[in-house]
Amino acid sequence: QVQLVEAGGGLVQAGGSLRLSCAASGVTLSSWLMGWFRQAPGKDREFVAALTWSGGSTVYADSVKGRFTISRDNAKNTVYLQMDSLKPEDTAVYYCAARFSKSTYVPATLGAYAYWGQGTQVTVSS
């Protein structure tokens, strides 16, 4: 049974930083493509960032490019999302997701990911 557990959310002022983590159990992440998505109140869940099993390829949503960095530590079975220069519009529940793949293709669609965490709340005050 694959389980993903996010942590690191919280309340931060605009311009601040947070680092989210996603710890996996029941699976060895080295064969999985990992992504981060977010869902703001009243809005659809949207893609934030993803990276391949090796970390060699990354993709970011335009809205976070240059501010967020996705990374992984396969030895710790953990994926991270470093969020800098946070804006109030970044406020959302952030979810990590996993897709079994050793391809270099990085999908940005929800349906491409088989497993999801429970989410962690990020609130950015102005």
Protein backbone atom coordinates (compact mmCIF):
# COMPACT_ATOMS: atom_id res chain seq x y z
CA GLN A 1 0.00 0.00 0.00
CA VAL A 2 1.49 3.29 -1.14
CA GLN A 3 1.16 6.14 1.32
CA LEU A 4 2.28 9.71 0.83
CA VAL A 5 2.38 12.09 3.78
CA GLU A 6 2.94 15.81 3.30
CA ALA A 7 4.32 18.12 5.96
CA GLY A 8 5.69 21.63 6.30
CA GLY A 9 2.65 23.75 5.56
CA GLY A 10 1.70 26.73 7.67
CA LEU A 11 1.06 30.44 7.80
CA VAL A 12 3.66 32.78 6.32
CA GLN A 13 3.76 36.43 5.30
CA ALA A 14 4.02 37.44 1.67
CA GLY A 15 7.63 37.29 0.54
CA GLY A 16 8.43 34.51 2.97
CA SER A 17 9.43 30.91 2.39
CA LEU A 18 8.23 27.44 3.26
CA ARG A 19 9.61 23.98 2.54
CA LEU A 20 7.13 21.19 2.04
CA SER A 21 8.08 17.55 2.28
CA CYS A 22 6.36 14.39 1.08
CA ALA A 23 7.43 11.14 2.70
CA ALA A 24 6.52 7.89 1.00
CA SER A 25 5.98 4.47 2.49
CA GLY A 26 5.08 1.17 0.88
CA VAL A 27 7.08 2.06 -2.20
CA THR A 28 10.63 2.85 -3.25
CA LEU A 29 10.44 6.29 -4.78
CA SER A 30 13.43 5.76 -7.03
CA SER A 31 11.10 4.27 -9.67
CA TRP A 32 8.43 6.92 -9.37
CA LEU A 33 7.84 10.29 -10.94
CA MET A 34 6.68 12.75 -8.28
CA GLY A 35 4.56 15.86 -8.50
CA TRP A 36 3.08 18.64 -6.43
CA PHE A 37 -0.40 20.05 -7.00
CA ARG A 38 -2.46 22.61 -5.11
CA GLN A 39 -6.09 23.49 -4.61
CA ALA A 40 -7.32 26.87 -3.48
CA PRO A 41 -10.82 27.32 -2.03
CA GLY A 42 -13.44 27.20 -4.74
CA LYS A 43 -10.94 26.31 -7.44
CA ASP A 44 -9.86 23.15 -9.23
CA ARG A 45 -6.73 21.32 -8.22
CA GLU A 46 -3.86 22.54 -10.35
CA PHE A 47 -0.37 21.41 -11.25
CA VAL A 48 2.56 23.06 -9.48
CA ALA A 49 5.71 21.08 -10.26
CA ALA A 50 7.00 17.59 -10.98
CA LEU A 51 10.27 15.78 -11.50
CA THR A 52 11.40 12.47 -12.94
CA TRP A 53 12.56 9.50 -10.90
CA SER A 54 16.19 10.60 -11.18
CA GLY A 55 15.47 14.27 -10.66
CA GLY A 56 17.03 14.96 -14.03
CA SER A 57 13.96 16.61 -15.54
CA THR A 58 11.66 19.08 -13.84
CA VAL A 59 8.54 20.93 -14.96
CA TYR A 60 6.94 23.93 -13.27
CA ALA A 61 3.69 25.81 -13.68
CA ASP A 62 4.29 29.29 -15.06
CA SER A 63 2.82 30.80 -11.91
CA VAL A 64 5.59 29.36 -9.70
CA LYS A 65 8.54 29.25 -12.09
CA GLY A 66 11.57 30.96 -10.59
CA ARG A 67 10.08 30.91 -7.07
CA PHE A 68 9.51 27.22 -6.31
CA THR A 69 12.00 24.37 -6.51
CA ILE A 70 11.12 20.70 -6.50
CA SER A 71 13.72 18.15 -5.42
CA ARG A 72 13.95 14.62 -4.17
CA ASP A 73 16.09 12.44 -1.93
CA ASN A 74 15.52 8.86 -3.01
CA ALA A 75 17.63 7.56 -0.15
CA LYS A 76 15.13 9.15 2.25
CA ASN A 77 12.12 8.31 0.08
CA THR A 78 11.14 11.96 0.26
CA VAL A 79 10.26 14.72 -2.16
CA TYR A 80 10.48 18.42 -1.34
CA LEU A 81 8.97 21.66 -2.57
CA GLN A 82 10.94 24.76 -1.62
CA MET A 83 8.67 27.77 -1.94
CA ASP A 84 10.25 31.23 -1.91
CA SER A 85 8.86 34.72 -2.52
CA LEU A 86 5.43 33.48 -1.56
CA LYS A 87 2.37 35.44 -2.62
CA PRO A 88 -1.16 35.48 -1.21
CA GLU A 89 -2.34 33.74 -4.38
CA ASP A 90 -0.17 30.75 -3.43
CA THR A 91 -2.58 30.04 -0.57
CA ALA A 92 -3.95 26.53 -1.07
CA VAL A 93 -3.84 22.96 0.11
CA TYR A 94 -0.74 21.37 -1.40
CA TYR A 95 -0.75 17.73 -2.41
CA CYS A 96 2.06 15.44 -3.50
CA ALA A 97 1.37 12.76 -6.05
CA ALA A 98 3.17 9.74 -7.46
CA ARG A 99 3.29 8.12 -10.88
CA PHE A 100 5.14 4.87 -11.50
CA SER A 101 7.46 5.82 -14.34
CA LYS A 102 11.14 5.83 -15.28
CA SER A 103 10.41 7.85 -18.41
CA THR A 104 11.68 11.37 -19.00
CA TYR A 105 8.12 12.49 -19.78
CA VAL A 106 6.73 14.67 -16.99
CA PRO A 107 2.92 14.98 -17.05
CA ALA A 108 1.09 17.94 -15.58
CA THR A 109 -2.38 16.43 -15.47
CA LEU A 110 -4.09 15.04 -12.37
CA GLY A 111 -5.14 11.83 -14.07
CA ALA A 112 -1.56 10.86 -14.77
CA TYR A 113 -0.83 10.30 -11.08
CA ALA A 114 -2.00 7.19 -9.27
CA TYR A 115 -1.34 8.03 -5.64
CA TRP A 116 -1.99 11.15 -3.61
CA GLY A 117 -1.23 12.45 -0.16
CA GLN A 118 -3.78 14.01 2.16
CA GLY A 119 -2.52 17.54 1.63
CA THR A 120 -0.98 20.27 3.75
CA GLN A 121 -2.37 23.80 4.10
CA VAL A 122 -0.27 26.77 3.03
CA THR A 123 -1.58 30.21 3.88
CA VAL A 124 0.19 33.36 2.72
CA SER A 125 -0.91 36.60 4.35
CA SER A 126 -0.56 39.97 2.67
